[in-house]
Amino acid sequence: MSQTEQEHATYGYHDEKPAVINRLHRIEGQVRGIERMVEEDRYCIDILTQISAVSTALDALALKILDEHVNHCVAGALTSGDEADAQVKTQELLEAVQRFARMR
């Protein structure tokens, strides 16, 4: 994909971009809250609970973006008739799923 094509491309999350950004801001706020908890010498388990919540929130967001990628980017490549693009998008999808599987 050329630089010009990348500048004008829309990705699977495009229609949900404001919601994605809002969710990222909430997660950022959660992380800042954990930092404050550490600064205030809060109980370890309370901090770990909040870290778990952030991790869960990031996982949920990642799965949402992955879902949009499959339904927009991968599906579009598979139906485009462009075998090379379909192969690239399929490989990207497999690698993304493998990264998720390794995190578990």
PDB file of N, CA and C in Angstrom:
ATOM      1  N   MET A   1       0.851  -1.175   0.000  1.00  0.00           N
ATOM      2  CA  MET A   1       0.000   0.000   0.000  1.00  0.00           C
ATOM      3  C   MET A   1       0.897   1.238   0.000  1.00  0.00           C
ATOM      4  N   SER A   2       0.630   2.157  -0.904  1.00  0.00           N
ATOM      5  CA  SER A   2       1.439   3.367  -0.994  1.00  0.00           C
ATOM      6  C   SER A   2       1.106   4.314   0.155  1.00  0.00           C
ATOM      7  N   GLN A   3       1.956   5.315   0.349  1.00  0.00           N
ATOM      8  CA  GLN A   3       1.740   6.308   1.412  1.00  0.00           C
ATOM      9  C   GLN A   3       0.399   7.009   1.217  1.00  0.00           C
ATOM     10  N   THR A   4       0.062   7.354  -0.021  1.00  0.00           N
ATOM     11  CA  THR A   4      -1.197   8.033  -0.311  1.00  0.00           C
ATOM     12  C   THR A   4      -2.380   7.133   0.016  1.00  0.00           C
ATOM     13  N   GLU A   5      -2.281   5.841  -0.338  1.00  0.00           N
ATOM     14  CA  GLU A   5      -3.358   4.904  -0.026  1.00  0.00           C
ATOM     15  C   GLU A   5      -3.526   4.753   1.479  1.00  0.00           C
ATOM     16  N   GLN A   6      -2.415   4.702   2.212  1.00  0.00           N
ATOM     17  CA  GLN A   6      -2.495   4.573   3.663  1.00  0.00           C
ATOM     18  C   GLN A   6      -3.150   5.796   4.289  1.00  0.00           C
ATOM     19  N   GLU A   7      -2.867   6.979   3.755  1.00  0.00           N
ATOM     20  CA  GLU A   7      -3.439   8.208   4.299  1.00  0.00           C
ATOM     21  C   GLU A   7      -4.951   8.248   4.136  1.00  0.00           C
ATOM     22  N   HIS A   8      -5.475   7.576   3.095  1.00  0.00           N
ATOM     23  CA  HIS A   8      -6.899   7.618   2.799  1.00  0.00           C
ATOM     24  C   HIS A   8      -7.620   6.318   3.145  1.00  0.00           C
ATOM     25  N   ALA A   9      -6.918   5.354   3.675  1.00  0.00           N
ATOM     26  CA  ALA A   9      -7.535   4.084   4.024  1.00  0.00           C
ATOM     27  C   ALA A   9      -8.422   4.243   5.248  1.00  0.00           C
ATOM     28  N   THR A  10      -9.508   3.497   5.266  1.00  0.00           N
ATOM     29  CA  THR A  10     -10.312   3.407   6.480  1.00  0.00           C
ATOM     30  C   THR A  10     -10.191   1.975   6.968  1.00  0.00           C
ATOM     31  N   TYR A  11     -10.064   1.841   8.243  1.00  0.00           N
ATOM     32  CA  TYR A  11      -9.867   0.535   8.843  1.00  0.00           C
ATOM     33  C   TYR A  11     -11.132   0.122   9.577  1.00  0.00           C
ATOM     34  N   GLY A  12     -11.160  -1.119  10.014  1.00  0.00           N
ATOM     35  CA  GLY A  12     -12.354  -1.686  10.614  1.00  0.00           C
ATOM     36  C   GLY A  12     -12.910  -0.901  11.785  1.00  0.00           C
ATOM     37  N   TYR A  13     -12.046  -0.305  12.579  1.00  0.00           N
ATOM     38  CA  TYR A  13     -12.495   0.441  13.759  1.00  0.00           C
ATOM     39  C   TYR A  13     -12.938   1.859  13.431  1.00  0.00           C
ATOM     40  N   HIS A  14     -12.802   2.285  12.167  1.00  0.00           N
ATOM     41  CA  HIS A  14     -13.033   3.678  11.779  1.00  0.00           C
ATOM     42  C   HIS A  14     -14.383   4.224  12.272  1.00  0.00           C
ATOM     43  N   ASP A  15     -15.457   3.467  12.052  1.00  0.00           N
ATOM     44  CA  ASP A  15     -16.787   3.951  12.449  1.00  0.00           C
ATOM     45  C   ASP A  15     -16.947   4.013  13.963  1.00  0.00           C
ATOM     46  N   GLU A  16     -16.113   3.267  14.678  1.00  0.00           N
ATOM     47  CA  GLU A  16     -16.169   3.229  16.139  1.00  0.00           C
ATOM     48  C   GLU A  16     -15.041   4.044  16.780  1.00  0.00           C
ATOM     49  N   LYS A  17     -14.312   4.808  15.969  1.00  0.00           N
ATOM     50  CA  LYS A  17     -13.134   5.502  16.478  1.00  0.00           C
ATOM     51  C   LYS A  17     -13.406   6.377  17.695  1.00  0.00           C
ATOM     52  N   PRO A  18     -14.446   7.182  17.746  1.00  0.00           N
ATOM     53  CA  PRO A  18     -14.686   7.977  18.961  1.00  0.00           C
ATOM     54  C   PRO A  18     -14.873   7.104  20.202  1.00  0.00           C
ATOM     55  N   ALA A  19     -15.587   5.990  20.062  1.00  0.00           N
ATOM     56  CA  ALA A  19     -15.795   5.087  21.199  1.00  0.00           C
ATOM     57  C   ALA A  19     -14.477   4.429  21.615  1.00  0.00           C
ATOM     58  N   VAL A  20     -13.647   4.061  20.641  1.00  0.00           N
ATOM     59  CA  VAL A  20     -12.342   3.460  20.936  1.00  0.00           C
ATOM     60  C   VAL A  20     -11.470   4.464  21.693  1.00  0.00           C
ATOM     61  N   ILE A  21     -11.448   5.686  21.223  1.00  0.00           N
ATOM     62  CA  ILE A  21     -10.639   6.722  21.877  1.00  0.00           C
ATOM     63  C   ILE A  21     -11.151   6.978  23.291  1.00  0.00           C
ATOM     64  N   ASN A  22     -12.468   7.056  23.455  1.00  0.00           N
ATOM     65  CA  ASN A  22     -13.033   7.254  24.797  1.00  0.00           C
ATOM     66  C   ASN A  22     -12.644   6.112  25.721  1.00  0.00           C
ATOM     67  N   ARG A  23     -12.703   4.885  25.212  1.00  0.00           N
ATOM     68  CA  ARG A  23     -12.332   3.733  26.052  1.00  0.00           C
ATOM     69  C   ARG A  23     -10.856   3.805  26.424  1.00  0.00           C
ATOM     70  N   LEU A  24     -10.003   4.192  25.487  1.00  0.00           N
ATOM     71  CA  LEU A  24      -8.579   4.333  25.783  1.00  0.00           C
ATOM     72  C   LEU A  24      -8.342   5.400  26.844  1.00  0.00           C
ATOM     73  N   HIS A  25      -9.095   6.468  26.795  1.00  0.00           N
ATOM     74  CA  HIS A  25      -8.959   7.515  27.818  1.00  0.00           C
ATOM     75  C   HIS A  25      -9.368   6.993  29.189  1.00  0.00           C
ATOM     76  N   ARG A  26     -10.434   6.186  29.234  1.00  0.00           N
ATOM     77  CA  ARG A  26     -10.858   5.610  30.525  1.00  0.00           C
ATOM     78  C   ARG A  26      -9.783   4.666  31.061  1.00  0.00           C
ATOM     79  N   ILE A  27      -9.206   3.866  30.180  1.00  0.00           N
ATOM     80  CA  ILE A  27      -8.140   2.952  30.603  1.00  0.00           C
ATOM     81  C   ILE A  27      -6.930   3.741  31.080  1.00  0.00           C
ATOM     82  N   GLU A  28      -6.610   4.802  30.378  1.00  0.00           N
ATOM     83  CA  GLU A  28      -5.502   5.665  30.796  1.00  0.00           C
ATOM     84  C   GLU A  28      -5.760   6.210  32.204  1.00  0.00           C
ATOM     85  N   GLY A  29      -6.995   6.609  32.454  1.00  0.00           N
ATOM     86  CA  GLY A  29      -7.358   7.092  33.783  1.00  0.00           C
ATOM     87  C   GLY A  29      -7.213   6.001  34.839  1.00  0.00           C
ATOM     88  N   GLN A  30      -7.574   4.774  34.476  1.00  0.00           N
ATOM     89  CA  GLN A  30      -7.400   3.658  35.406  1.00  0.00           C
ATOM     90  C   GLN A  30      -5.924   3.458  35.734  1.00  0.00           C
ATOM     91  N   VAL A  31      -5.065   3.569  34.734  1.00  0.00           N
ATOM     92  CA  VAL A  31      -3.624   3.392  34.962  1.00  0.00           C
ATOM     93  C   VAL A  31      -3.096   4.507  35.855  1.00  0.00           C
ATOM     94  N   ARG A  32      -3.542   5.738  35.622  1.00  0.00           N
ATOM     95  CA  ARG A  32      -3.126   6.831  36.505  1.00  0.00           C
ATOM     96  C   ARG A  32      -3.600   6.580  37.932  1.00  0.00           C
ATOM     97  N   GLY A  33      -4.794   6.000  38.082  1.00  0.00           N
ATOM     98  CA  GLY A  33      -5.299   5.657  39.406  1.00  0.00           C
ATOM     99  C   GLY A  33      -4.415   4.629  40.096  1.00  0.00           C
ATOM    100  N   ILE A  34      -3.907   3.672  39.333  1.00  0.00           N
ATOM    101  CA  ILE A  34      -2.991   2.680  39.906  1.00  0.00           C
ATOM    102  C   ILE A  34      -1.704   3.365  40.353  1.00  0.00           C
ATOM    103  N   GLU A  35      -1.219   4.288  39.557  1.00  0.00           N
ATOM    104  CA  GLU A  35      -0.015   5.031  39.945  1.00  0.00           C
ATOM    105  C   GLU A  35      -0.241   5.755  41.275  1.00  0.00           C
ATOM    106  N   ARG A  36      -1.404   6.393  41.421  1.00  0.00           N
ATOM    107  CA  ARG A  36      -1.713   7.082  42.680  1.00  0.00           C
ATOM    108  C   ARG A  36      -1.777   6.091  43.840  1.00  0.00           C
ATOM    109  N   MET A  37      -2.333   4.922  43.579  1.00  0.00           N
ATOM    110  CA  MET A  37      -2.412   3.904  44.632  1.00  0.00           C
ATOM    111  C   MET A  37      -1.019   3.516  45.106  1.00  0.00           C
ATOM    112  N   VAL A  38      -0.083   3.380  44.175  1.00  0.00           N
ATOM    113  CA  VAL A  38       1.295   3.038  44.544  1.00  0.00           C
ATOM    114  C   VAL A  38       1.911   4.187  45.328  1.00  0.00           C
ATOM    115  N   GLU A  39       1.700   5.407  44.831  1.00  0.00           N
ATOM    116  CA  GLU A  39       2.242   6.575  45.540  1.00  0.00           C
ATOM    117  C   GLU A  39       1.700   6.664  46.964  1.00  0.00           C
ATOM    118  N   GLU A  40       0.460   6.250  47.166  1.00  0.00           N
ATOM    119  CA  GLU A  40      -0.191   6.329  48.481  1.00  0.00           C
ATOM    120  C   GLU A  40       0.063   5.081  49.327  1.00  0.00           C
ATOM    121  N   ASP A  41       0.912   4.189  48.851  1.00  0.00           N
ATOM    122  CA  ASP A  41       1.225   2.948  49.581  1.00  0.00           C
ATOM    123  C   ASP A  41      -0.025   2.132  49.907  1.00  0.00           C
ATOM    124  N   ARG A  42      -0.884   1.968  48.903  1.00  0.00           N
ATOM    125  CA  ARG A  42      -2.100   1.171  49.102  1.00  0.00           C
ATOM    126  C   ARG A  42      -1.768  -0.308  49.166  1.00  0.00           C
ATOM    127  N   TYR A  43      -2.687  -1.082  49.647  1.00  0.00           N
ATOM    128  CA  TYR A  43      -2.537  -2.518  49.842  1.00  0.00           C
ATOM    129  C   TYR A  43      -2.303  -3.226  48.495  1.00  0.00           C
ATOM    130  N   CYS A  44      -1.358  -4.159  48.506  1.00  0.00           N
ATOM    131  CA  CYS A  44      -0.938  -4.867  47.284  1.00  0.00           C
ATOM    132  C   CYS A  44      -2.120  -5.461  46.509  1.00  0.00           C
ATOM    133  N   ILE A  45      -3.007  -6.144  47.213  1.00  0.00           N
ATOM    134  CA  ILE A  45      -4.125  -6.817  46.556  1.00  0.00           C
ATOM    135  C   ILE A  45      -5.047  -5.808  45.877  1.00  0.00           C
ATOM    136  N   ASP A  46      -5.227  -4.644  46.485  1.00  0.00           N
ATOM    137  CA  ASP A  46      -6.049  -3.608  45.856  1.00  0.00           C
ATOM    138  C   ASP A  46      -5.420  -3.142  44.546  1.00  0.00           C
ATOM    139  N   ILE A  47      -4.116  -2.991  44.539  1.00  0.00           N
ATOM    140  CA  ILE A  47      -3.402  -2.580  43.325  1.00  0.00           C
ATOM    141  C   ILE A  47      -3.507  -3.672  42.267  1.00  0.00           C
ATOM    142  N   LEU A  48      -3.287  -4.918  42.678  1.00  0.00           N
ATOM    143  CA  LEU A  48      -3.378  -6.036  41.733  1.00  0.00           C
ATOM    144  C   LEU A  48      -4.779  -6.159  41.141  1.00  0.00           C
ATOM    145  N   THR A  49      -5.786  -5.887  41.940  1.00  0.00           N
ATOM    146  CA  THR A  49      -7.168  -5.922  41.444  1.00  0.00           C
ATOM    147  C   THR A  49      -7.368  -4.887  40.346  1.00  0.00           C
ATOM    148  N   GLN A  50      -6.829  -3.695  40.550  1.00  0.00           N
ATOM    149  CA  GLN A  50      -6.961  -2.640  39.545  1.00  0.00           C
ATOM    150  C   GLN A  50      -6.156  -2.957  38.289  1.00  0.00           C
ATOM    151  N   ILE A  51      -4.977  -3.546  38.462  1.00  0.00           N
ATOM    152  CA  ILE A  51      -4.172  -3.957  37.301  1.00  0.00           C
ATOM    153  C   ILE A  51      -4.931  -4.998  36.491  1.00  0.00           C
ATOM    154  N   SER A  52      -5.575  -5.922  37.169  1.00  0.00           N
ATOM    155  CA  SER A  52      -6.383  -6.934  36.484  1.00  0.00           C
ATOM    156  C   SER A  52      -7.517  -6.287  35.695  1.00  0.00           C
ATOM    157  N   ALA A  53      -8.140  -5.281  36.283  1.00  0.00           N
ATOM    158  CA  ALA A  53      -9.240  -4.576  35.604  1.00  0.00           C
ATOM    159  C   ALA A  53      -8.738  -3.880  34.342  1.00  0.00           C
ATOM    160  N   VAL A  54      -7.555  -3.275  34.418  1.00  0.00           N
ATOM    161  CA  VAL A  54      -6.977  -2.609  33.240  1.00  0.00           C
ATOM    162  C   VAL A  54      -6.652  -3.646  32.167  1.00  0.00           C
ATOM    163  N   SER A  55      -6.087  -4.744  32.587  1.00  0.00           N
ATOM    164  CA  SER A  55      -5.745  -5.808  31.642  1.00  0.00           C
ATOM    165  C   SER A  55      -6.998  -6.338  30.947  1.00  0.00           C
ATOM    166  N   THR A  56      -8.051  -6.538  31.701  1.00  0.00           N
ATOM    167  CA  THR A  56      -9.320  -7.010  31.137  1.00  0.00           C
ATOM    168  C   THR A  56      -9.885  -5.983  30.155  1.00  0.00           C
ATOM    169  N   ALA A  57      -9.817  -4.717  30.520  1.00  0.00           N
ATOM    170  CA  ALA A  57     -10.323  -3.654  29.644  1.00  0.00           C
ATOM    171  C   ALA A  57      -9.529  -3.591  28.340  1.00  0.00           C
ATOM    172  N   LEU A  58      -8.218  -3.721  28.431  1.00  0.00           N
ATOM    173  CA  LEU A  58      -7.387  -3.715  27.216  1.00  0.00           C
ATOM    174  C   LEU A  58      -7.678  -4.930  26.350  1.00  0.00           C
ATOM    175  N   ASP A  59      -7.842  -6.092  26.975  1.00  0.00           N
ATOM    176  CA  ASP A  59      -8.184  -7.301  26.220  1.00  0.00           C
ATOM    177  C   ASP A  59      -9.507  -7.131  25.485  1.00  0.00           C
ATOM    178  N   ALA A  60     -10.504  -6.587  26.172  1.00  0.00           N
ATOM    179  CA  ALA A  60     -11.814  -6.391  25.548  1.00  0.00           C
ATOM    180  C   ALA A  60     -11.718  -5.430  24.369  1.00  0.00           C
ATOM    181  N   LEU A  61     -10.954  -4.367  24.534  1.00  0.00           N
ATOM    182  CA  LEU A  61     -10.776  -3.411  23.443  1.00  0.00           C
ATOM    183  C   LEU A  61     -10.032  -4.050  22.275  1.00  0.00           C
ATOM    184  N   ALA A  62      -9.004  -4.812  22.586  1.00  0.00           N
ATOM    185  CA  ALA A  62      -8.249  -5.490  21.529  1.00  0.00           C
ATOM    186  C   ALA A  62      -9.143  -6.458  20.756  1.00  0.00           C
ATOM    187  N   LEU A  63      -9.978  -7.197  21.456  1.00  0.00           N
ATOM    188  CA  LEU A  63     -10.885  -8.128  20.776  1.00  0.00           C
ATOM    189  C   LEU A  63     -11.898  -7.388  19.913  1.00  0.00           C
ATOM    190  N   LYS A  64     -12.352  -6.233  20.367  1.00  0.00           N
ATOM    191  CA  LYS A  64     -13.271  -5.416  19.564  1.00  0.00           C
ATOM    192  C   LYS A  64     -12.590  -4.968  18.274  1.00  0.00           C
ATOM    193  N   ILE A  65     -11.357  -4.499  18.393  1.00  0.00           N
ATOM    194  CA  ILE A  65     -10.621  -4.057  17.202  1.00  0.00           C
ATOM    195  C   ILE A  65     -10.316  -5.246  16.295  1.00  0.00           C
ATOM    196  N   LEU A  66      -9.980  -6.386  16.878  1.00  0.00           N
ATOM    197  CA  LEU A  66      -9.741  -7.591  16.081  1.00  0.00           C
ATOM    198  C   LEU A  66     -11.000  -7.994  15.324  1.00  0.00           C
ATOM    199  N   ASP A  67     -12.143  -7.938  15.996  1.00  0.00           N
ATOM    200  CA  ASP A  67     -13.415  -8.252  15.356  1.00  0.00           C
ATOM    201  C   ASP A  67     -13.675  -7.327  14.170  1.00  0.00           C
ATOM    202  N   GLU A  68     -13.442  -6.047  14.377  1.00  0.00           N
ATOM    203  CA  GLU A  68     -13.625  -5.079  13.289  1.00  0.00           C
ATOM    204  C   GLU A  68     -12.636  -5.344  12.151  1.00  0.00           C
ATOM    205  N   HIS A  69     -11.420  -5.742  12.503  1.00  0.00           N
ATOM    206  CA  HIS A  69     -10.407  -6.060  11.486  1.00  0.00           C
ATOM    207  C   HIS A  69     -10.876  -7.236  10.625  1.00  0.00           C
ATOM    208  N   VAL A  70     -11.385  -8.269  11.272  1.00  0.00           N
ATOM    209  CA  VAL A  70     -11.857  -9.444  10.537  1.00  0.00           C
ATOM    210  C   VAL A  70     -13.021  -9.072   9.629  1.00  0.00           C
ATOM    211  N   ASN A  71     -13.998  -8.350  10.184  1.00  0.00           N
ATOM    212  CA  ASN A  71     -15.213  -8.053   9.438  1.00  0.00           C
ATOM    213  C   ASN A  71     -15.049  -6.959   8.389  1.00  0.00           C
ATOM    214  N   HIS A  72     -14.001  -6.183   8.489  1.00  0.00           N
ATOM    215  CA  HIS A  72     -13.792  -5.119   7.511  1.00  0.00           C
ATOM    216  C   HIS A  72     -12.567  -5.395   6.643  1.00  0.00           C
ATOM    217  N   CYS A  73     -11.413  -5.410   7.254  1.00  0.00           N
ATOM    218  CA  CYS A  73     -10.161  -5.512   6.499  1.00  0.00           C
ATOM    219  C   CYS A  73      -9.975  -6.881   5.855  1.00  0.00           C
ATOM    220  N   VAL A  74     -10.108  -7.930   6.653  1.00  0.00           N
ATOM    221  CA  VAL A  74      -9.895  -9.276   6.118  1.00  0.00           C
ATOM    222  C   VAL A  74     -11.008  -9.644   5.144  1.00  0.00           C
ATOM    223  N   ALA A  75     -12.252  -9.414   5.545  1.00  0.00           N
ATOM    224  CA  ALA A  75     -13.376  -9.736   4.655  1.00  0.00           C
ATOM    225  C   ALA A  75     -13.278  -8.963   3.345  1.00  0.00           C
ATOM    226  N   GLY A  76     -12.899  -7.700   3.430  1.00  0.00           N
ATOM    227  CA  GLY A  76     -12.750  -6.900   2.213  1.00  0.00           C
ATOM    228  C   GLY A  76     -11.667  -7.433   1.301  1.00  0.00           C
ATOM    229  N   ALA A  77     -10.557  -7.850   1.894  1.00  0.00           N
ATOM    230  CA  ALA A  77      -9.463  -8.402   1.086  1.00  0.00           C
ATOM    231  C   ALA A  77      -9.869  -9.721   0.439  1.00  0.00           C
ATOM    232  N   LEU A  78     -10.595 -10.544   1.179  1.00  0.00           N
ATOM    233  CA  LEU A  78     -11.014 -11.841   0.634  1.00  0.00           C
ATOM    234  C   LEU A  78     -12.016 -11.696  -0.495  1.00  0.00           C
ATOM    235  N   THR A  79     -12.854 -10.683  -0.437  1.00  0.00           N
ATOM    236  CA  THR A  79     -13.861 -10.499  -1.484  1.00  0.00           C
ATOM    237  C   THR A  79     -13.387  -9.591  -2.610  1.00  0.00           C
ATOM    238  N   SER A  80     -12.216  -8.995  -2.463  1.00  0.00           N
ATOM    239  CA  SER A  80     -11.732  -8.039  -3.470  1.00  0.00           C
ATOM    240  C   SER A  80     -11.243  -8.703  -4.746  1.00  0.00           C
ATOM    241  N   GLY A  81     -10.888  -9.967  -4.657  1.00  0.00           N
ATOM    242  CA  GLY A  81     -10.304 -10.635  -5.814  1.00  0.00           C
ATOM    243  C   GLY A  81      -8.799 -10.450  -5.893  1.00  0.00           C
ATOM    244  N   ASP A  82      -8.230  -9.680  -4.994  1.00  0.00           N
ATOM    245  CA  ASP A  82      -6.782  -9.443  -4.949  1.00  0.00           C
ATOM    246  C   ASP A  82      -6.167 -10.529  -4.065  1.00  0.00           C
ATOM    247  N   GLU A  83      -5.643 -11.572  -4.710  1.00  0.00           N
ATOM    248  CA  GLU A  83      -5.106 -12.708  -3.956  1.00  0.00           C
ATOM    249  C   GLU A  83      -3.964 -12.320  -3.035  1.00  0.00           C
ATOM    250  N   ALA A  84      -3.094 -11.427  -3.499  1.00  0.00           N
ATOM    251  CA  ALA A  84      -1.952 -11.020  -2.680  1.00  0.00           C
ATOM    252  C   ALA A  84      -2.428 -10.304  -1.419  1.00  0.00           C
ATOM    253  N   ASP A  85      -3.389  -9.390  -1.556  1.00  0.00           N
ATOM    254  CA  ASP A  85      -3.911  -8.671  -0.401  1.00  0.00           C
ATOM    255  C   ASP A  85      -4.634  -9.635   0.541  1.00  0.00           C
ATOM    256  N   ALA A  86      -5.393 -10.564  -0.018  1.00  0.00           N
ATOM    257  CA  ALA A  86      -6.092 -11.549   0.802  1.00  0.00           C
ATOM    258  C   ALA A  86      -5.097 -12.387   1.595  1.00  0.00           C
ATOM    259  N   GLN A  87      -3.999 -12.763   0.969  1.00  0.00           N
ATOM    260  CA  GLN A  87      -2.985 -13.559   1.658  1.00  0.00           C
ATOM    261  C   GLN A  87      -2.327 -12.745   2.778  1.00  0.00           C
ATOM    262  N   VAL A  88      -2.011 -11.484   2.502  1.00  0.00           N
ATOM    263  CA  VAL A  88      -1.398 -10.624   3.520  1.00  0.00           C
ATOM    264  C   VAL A  88      -2.338 -10.454   4.709  1.00  0.00           C
ATOM    265  N   LYS A  89      -3.601 -10.147   4.441  1.00  0.00           N
ATOM    266  CA  LYS A  89      -4.563  -9.913   5.524  1.00  0.00           C
ATOM    267  C   LYS A  89      -4.812 -11.194   6.320  1.00  0.00           C
ATOM    268  N   THR A  90      -4.844 -12.331   5.650  1.00  0.00           N
ATOM    269  CA  THR A  90      -5.021 -13.608   6.340  1.00  0.00           C
ATOM    270  C   THR A  90      -3.831 -13.884   7.251  1.00  0.00           C
ATOM    271  N   GLN A  91      -2.624 -13.640   6.764  1.00  0.00           N
ATOM    272  CA  GLN A  91      -1.425 -13.853   7.573  1.00  0.00           C
ATOM    273  C   GLN A  91      -1.401 -12.907   8.771  1.00  0.00           C
ATOM    274  N   GLU A  92      -1.775 -11.643   8.556  1.00  0.00           N
ATOM    275  CA  GLU A  92      -1.845 -10.687   9.672  1.00  0.00           C
ATOM    276  C   GLU A  92      -2.822 -11.176  10.740  1.00  0.00           C
ATOM    277  N   LEU A  93      -3.966 -11.681  10.296  1.00  0.00           N
ATOM    278  CA  LEU A  93      -4.974 -12.175  11.231  1.00  0.00           C
ATOM    279  C   LEU A  93      -4.431 -13.346  12.043  1.00  0.00           C
ATOM    280  N   LEU A  94      -3.805 -14.283  11.381  1.00  0.00           N
ATOM    281  CA  LEU A  94      -3.248 -15.443  12.080  1.00  0.00           C
ATOM    282  C   LEU A  94      -2.193 -15.018  13.096  1.00  0.00           C
ATOM    283  N   GLU A  95      -1.348 -14.070  12.731  1.00  0.00           N
ATOM    284  CA  GLU A  95      -0.314 -13.589  13.654  1.00  0.00           C
ATOM    285  C   GLU A  95      -0.936 -12.879  14.854  1.00  0.00           C
ATOM    286  N   ALA A  96      -1.984 -12.112  14.618  1.00  0.00           N
ATOM    287  CA  ALA A  96      -2.663 -11.424  15.718  1.00  0.00           C
ATOM    288  C   ALA A  96      -3.282 -12.437  16.679  1.00  0.00           C
ATOM    289  N   VAL A  97      -3.915 -13.464  16.145  1.00  0.00           N
ATOM    290  CA  VAL A  97      -4.520 -14.491  16.986  1.00  0.00           C
ATOM    291  C   VAL A  97      -3.435 -15.229  17.767  1.00  0.00           C
ATOM    292  N   GLN A  98      -2.316 -15.501  17.141  1.00  0.00           N
ATOM    293  CA  GLN A  98      -1.211 -16.162  17.838  1.00  0.00           C
ATOM    294  C   GLN A  98      -0.685 -15.304  18.983  1.00  0.00           C
ATOM    295  N   ARG A  99      -0.594 -13.984  18.777  1.00  0.00           N
ATOM    296  CA  ARG A  99      -0.159 -13.097  19.865  1.00  0.00           C
ATOM    297  C   ARG A  99      -1.120 -13.174  21.039  1.00  0.00           C
ATOM    298  N   PHE A 100      -2.426 -13.174  20.758  1.00  0.00           N
ATOM    299  CA  PHE A 100      -3.417 -13.298  21.826  1.00  0.00           C
ATOM    300  C   PHE A 100      -3.273 -14.627  22.543  1.00  0.00           C
ATOM    301  N   ALA A 101      -3.056 -15.691  21.799  1.00  0.00           N
ATOM    302  CA  ALA A 101      -2.943 -17.023  22.398  1.00  0.00           C
ATOM    303  C   ALA A 101      -1.712 -17.109  23.297  1.00  0.00           C
ATOM    304  N   ARG A 102      -0.614 -16.488  22.915  1.00  0.00           N
ATOM    305  CA  ARG A 102       0.606 -16.500  23.730  1.00  0.00           C
ATOM    306  C   ARG A 102       0.418 -15.718  25.027  1.00  0.00           C
ATOM    307  N   MET A 103      -0.422 -14.708  25.018  1.00  0.00           N
ATOM    308  CA  MET A 103      -0.657 -13.890  26.211  1.00  0.00           C
ATOM    309  C   MET A 103      -1.443 -14.658  27.260  1.00  0.00           C
ATOM    310  N   ARG A 104      -2.101 -15.710  26.897  1.00  0.00           N
ATOM    311  CA  ARG A 104      -2.960 -16.461  27.817  1.00  0.00           C
ATOM    312  C   ARG A 104      -2.184 -17.496  28.558  1.00  0.00           C
TER     313      ARG A 104
END
